[in-house]
Protein backbone atom coordinates (compact mmCIF):
# COMPACT_ATOMS: atom_id res chain seq x y z
CA MET A 1 -12.74 -2.78 11.54
CA ILE A 2 -10.58 -3.69 8.48
CA GLU A 3 -10.66 -7.09 8.17
CA GLN A 4 -14.78 -7.28 8.44
CA GLN A 5 -14.85 -4.25 5.82
CA ILE A 6 -12.64 -6.50 3.01
CA ALA A 7 -15.17 -9.46 4.14
CA ALA A 8 -18.12 -8.33 3.35
CA MET A 9 -16.89 -6.75 -0.25
CA ARG A 10 -19.46 -7.39 -2.72
CA SER A 11 -16.81 -7.94 -4.98
CA SER A 12 -14.64 -10.74 -4.56
CA THR A 13 -11.71 -9.53 -6.20
CA LEU A 14 -11.34 -6.13 -4.34
CA SER A 15 -11.91 -8.34 -1.37
CA ARG A 16 -9.03 -10.36 -2.14
CA TYR A 17 -6.82 -7.26 -3.40
CA GLY A 18 -7.47 -5.63 0.05
CA ASN A 19 -7.05 -8.61 1.94
CA ASN A 20 -3.85 -9.10 0.07
CA ILE A 21 -2.35 -5.27 0.69
CA GLN A 22 -3.62 -5.48 4.51
CA THR A 23 -1.77 -8.67 5.19
CA GLN A 24 1.49 -7.34 3.77
CA ARG A 25 0.76 -4.61 5.95
CA GLN A 26 0.92 -6.68 9.22
CA ARG A 27 4.02 -8.22 8.16
CA LEU A 28 5.84 -4.91 8.14
CA TYR A 29 3.68 -3.90 11.22
CA VAL A 30 4.60 -6.73 13.38
CA ARG A 31 8.57 -5.49 12.87
CA ILE A 32 8.29 -1.69 13.55
CA ALA A 33 5.41 -1.77 16.67
CA ASP A 34 8.28 -1.98 19.13
CA LEU A 35 10.80 0.56 17.53
CA SER A 36 11.35 4.16 18.73
CA ALA A 37 9.87 6.97 16.05
CA GLU A 38 13.47 8.09 15.66
CA THR A 39 14.45 4.40 14.53
CA ILE A 40 11.67 4.51 12.24
CA TRP A 41 12.32 7.92 10.51
CA ARG A 42 16.42 7.35 10.49
CA ARG A 43 17.65 7.20 7.37
CA PRO A 44 20.21 5.33 5.88
CA GLY A 45 23.40 7.00 5.32
CA ASP A 46 23.15 6.00 1.28
CA GLY A 47 20.19 8.26 1.01
CA HIS A 48 17.19 5.93 0.35
CA TRP A 49 14.11 6.38 2.73
CA SER A 50 13.42 5.46 5.71
CA VAL A 51 10.80 3.11 7.27
CA GLY A 52 8.40 5.96 7.86
CA GLN A 53 9.04 7.78 4.68
CA ASN A 54 8.18 4.87 2.85
CA LEU A 55 5.13 4.15 4.87
CA GLU A 56 4.04 7.97 4.56
CA HIS A 57 4.72 7.81 0.79
CA VAL A 58 2.07 4.75 0.03
CA ASN A 59 -0.23 6.20 2.31
CA LYS A 60 -0.43 9.59 0.27
CA LEU A 61 -0.81 7.50 -2.67
CA LEU A 62 -3.92 6.23 -1.16
CA ARG A 63 -5.01 9.26 0.06
CA LEU A 64 -4.74 10.62 -3.81
CA PHE A 65 -6.75 7.64 -5.05
CA ARG A 66 -9.45 8.32 -2.37
CA TRP A 67 -9.96 11.74 -3.43
CA LEU A 68 -10.14 10.44 -7.17
CA LEU A 69 -13.00 7.72 -6.22
CA THR A 70 -15.09 10.47 -4.05
CA VAL A 71 -15.27 12.77 -7.08
CA TYR A 72 -15.78 9.52 -9.86
CA LEU A 73 -17.76 6.81 -8.75
CA PRO A 74 -20.59 9.24 -8.82
CA VAL A 75 -20.32 9.51 -12.18
CA ALA A 76 -19.01 6.25 -13.53
CA VAL A 77 -20.82 3.69 -11.63
CA PRO A 78 -23.94 4.48 -13.02
CA LEU A 79 -22.20 3.66 -16.88
CA ALA A 80 -20.48 1.23 -15.30
CA ARG A 81 -23.86 -0.65 -14.53
CA LEU A 82 -24.97 -0.16 -18.18
CA LEU A 83 -21.83 -1.68 -19.46
CA ARG A 84 -21.45 -4.77 -16.67
CA ARG A 85 -21.92 -7.25 -18.96
CA ARG A 86 -18.68 -6.24 -20.91
CA PRO A 87 -15.54 -8.16 -20.55
CA PHE A 88 -13.22 -7.34 -18.09
CA SER A 89 -9.60 -7.96 -16.73
CA THR A 90 -9.18 -8.24 -13.31
CA LEU A 91 -5.18 -8.92 -13.40
CA LYS A 92 -2.15 -6.47 -14.34
CA GLU A 93 1.58 -6.95 -14.57
CA ASP A 94 3.77 -5.62 -11.81
CA ILE A 95 5.56 -2.53 -13.17
CA TYR A 96 7.37 -2.27 -9.96
CA GLN A 97 9.11 -5.98 -10.11
CA HIS A 98 12.57 -4.46 -12.12
CA ASP A 99 12.60 -1.55 -10.22
CA THR A 100 15.16 -1.51 -7.12
CA GLN A 101 15.35 2.39 -6.84
CA ARG A 102 13.19 4.67 -4.89
CA PRO A 103 10.85 6.73 -6.93
CA PRO A 104 12.55 9.60 -9.37
CA GLY A 105 11.26 13.19 -8.37
CA VAL A 106 9.90 12.89 -5.22
CA LYS A 107 10.89 13.77 -2.49
CA PRO A 108 9.53 12.80 0.93
CA ILE A 109 9.65 14.88 4.05
CA ASP A 110 12.11 15.00 6.72
CA ARG A 111 10.75 13.89 9.82
CA SER A 112 13.65 13.36 11.80
CA ARG A 113 13.57 16.49 13.86
CA ARG A 114 9.75 15.68 14.84
CA PRO A 115 9.18 11.40 14.28
CA ILE A 116 5.92 10.52 14.24
CA PRO A 117 5.43 7.06 16.20
CA TYR A 118 4.21 3.93 15.09
CA ALA A 119 1.25 4.23 16.98
CA GLU A 120 0.20 7.61 14.85
CA LEU A 121 1.41 6.61 11.72
CA ARG A 122 -0.48 2.95 11.71
CA GLN A 123 -3.28 4.64 12.54
CA SER A 124 -3.52 6.97 9.76
CA LEU A 125 -2.96 4.47 7.53
CA ASP A 126 -5.82 2.40 8.80
CA ASP A 127 -7.78 5.82 8.58
CA GLU A 128 -6.98 5.77 4.82
CA MET A 129 -7.88 2.54 4.14
CA GLU A 130 -11.14 2.27 5.78
CA ARG A 131 -12.21 5.21 3.74
CA VAL A 132 -11.07 3.83 0.61
CA LEU A 133 -12.76 0.02 1.38
CA LYS A 134 -15.91 2.25 2.02
CA LEU A 135 -15.76 3.70 -1.09
CA LEU A 136 -15.54 -0.10 -2.87
CA GLN A 137 -17.36 -1.98 -0.68
CA ASP A 138 -20.75 -1.67 -2.41
CA LEU A 139 -19.37 -2.41 -5.77
CA ASP A 140 -20.32 -5.54 -8.04
CA GLU A 141 -17.35 -7.43 -9.65
CA ASP A 142 -18.60 -6.54 -13.01
CA VAL A 143 -19.25 -3.17 -12.14
CA ALA A 144 -16.24 -2.32 -10.53
CA GLY A 145 -14.79 -4.36 -13.42
CA ASN A 146 -15.97 -1.64 -16.20
CA ILE A 147 -15.15 1.53 -13.77
CA TYR A 148 -11.92 2.89 -15.53
CA TYR A 149 -9.86 5.94 -15.68
CA TRP A 150 -6.77 6.83 -16.99
CA ASP A 151 -3.34 6.19 -14.65
CA TRP A 152 -0.10 7.95 -15.77
CA VAL A 153 2.03 5.49 -15.39
CA THR A 154 0.21 1.93 -16.91
CA GLY A 155 -2.50 3.65 -18.80
CA ARG A 156 -6.18 2.62 -18.71
CA VAL A 157 -6.99 0.52 -16.03
CA ASN A 158 -9.99 -0.72 -14.07
CA LEU A 159 -10.61 -0.66 -10.26
CA HIS A 160 -9.85 -4.38 -9.83
CA GLN A 161 -6.36 -3.39 -11.73
CA CYS A 162 -6.32 -0.36 -9.75
CA LEU A 163 -6.47 -1.94 -6.25
CA LEU A 164 -4.28 -4.56 -7.54
CA LEU A 165 -1.54 -1.89 -8.58
CA ASP A 166 -1.57 -0.02 -5.03
CA TYR A 167 -0.53 -3.88 -3.55
CA TYR A 168 2.10 -3.69 -6.07
CA HIS A 169 3.30 -0.34 -5.17
CA GLU A 170 2.89 -0.98 -1.54
CA ARG A 171 5.03 -4.11 -1.66
CA ARG A 172 7.66 -2.30 -3.45
CA HIS A 173 7.70 0.23 -0.73
CA PHE A 174 7.36 -2.15 2.12
CA GLY A 175 10.39 -3.93 0.50
CA PHE A 176 12.47 -0.91 1.03
CA ALA A 177 11.67 -0.83 4.38
CA HIS A 178 12.33 -4.87 4.75
CA ARG A 179 15.52 -4.50 3.68
CA LEU A 180 16.49 -1.68 5.08
CA LEU A 181 15.65 -3.51 8.70
CA ASP A 182 17.30 -6.72 7.46
CA ARG A 183 20.28 -4.57 6.87
CA TRP A 184 19.96 -2.71 10.09
CA TRP A 185 19.97 -6.38 11.95
CA ASP A 186 23.10 -7.93 10.02
CA GLU A 187 25.07 -4.75 11.09
CA THR A 188 24.32 -4.90 14.74
CA ALA A 189 24.97 -8.64 14.29
CA GLY A 190 21.61 -9.58 16.52
CA GLN A 191 22.10 -7.41 19.28
CA SER A 192 19.86 -4.35 18.71
CA ALA A 193 16.41 -4.15 19.80
CA LEU A 194 15.23 -5.07 16.07
CA PRO A 195 13.10 -7.62 15.27
CA SER A 196 14.94 -9.91 13.42
CA ARG A 197 14.03 -10.49 10.10
CA THR A 198 11.89 -13.87 10.40
CA ALA A 199 9.85 -12.39 13.30
CA GLY A 200 6.94 -10.98 10.46
CA GLY A 201 7.34 -13.89 7.88
CA PRO A 202 9.21 -13.64 4.89
CA SER A 203 10.18 -10.85 3.48
CA PRO A 204 7.74 -10.09 0.43
CA TRP A 205 10.55 -8.17 -1.49
CA PRO A 206 11.28 -8.48 -4.50
CA GLY A 207 8.82 -11.27 -5.47
C-alpha cells in the first residue's frame, strides 16, 4: 500500500523522499521481524534507548507532523497555488549527521514489562506513514515547495524540506537501532537469534 501511494504522488520530490524513508525502514524491519517483543524493547545497560523506543519515537514525530498537516494544509494550499511560480529549495542540511547522542529532554516510554510485538509496532508505523502520504499525494511539486511552516530546530522549511528532515531524523534513530543490534551480535559472537549485521543491507548510520 505504501509503495503504491509513493509511486502515485504528484510531486516527484515528495515521492523520492517518501521512497527513501520506506527503504531505510525496510532495512531495519528485516533485522527485527523475527525478534521477540522482549528483545525489541530491551534497553542496553548504558542507558540508551531500545530498538522499540527508537521506532516509537519516530512514529510520534510523524504523528505530530500529520496533525500539523491536517490543520494547516486547508489554509496553506490555496495560498501556495497563488505563489507557485516562486522559486523554492528541495534540499536541507542534515542537522543530525554529527549528533550521536540520544535526544536531550526526551524521555521514552519504558515498555519492557508490556512490550509491543514487532507486527503491532510495524503496523502502527505503516498506518501513520500512509496517513501522511495521503495528505501529501495530490500536491504538485511547486505547490508543495511553497507551503512553509516554522520548525523549532531548523527554522523556516517547506514540505519538501520537511519530509527530507523526517528522513534524516529516522536515519538517526534507525542508526541507533542498527548499532545496538550490531553490538548484541558481536557480544554473542554470532550465536544468538539476532539477524547478522548484513541481513538488512549496510547500516545507514552515520552517513
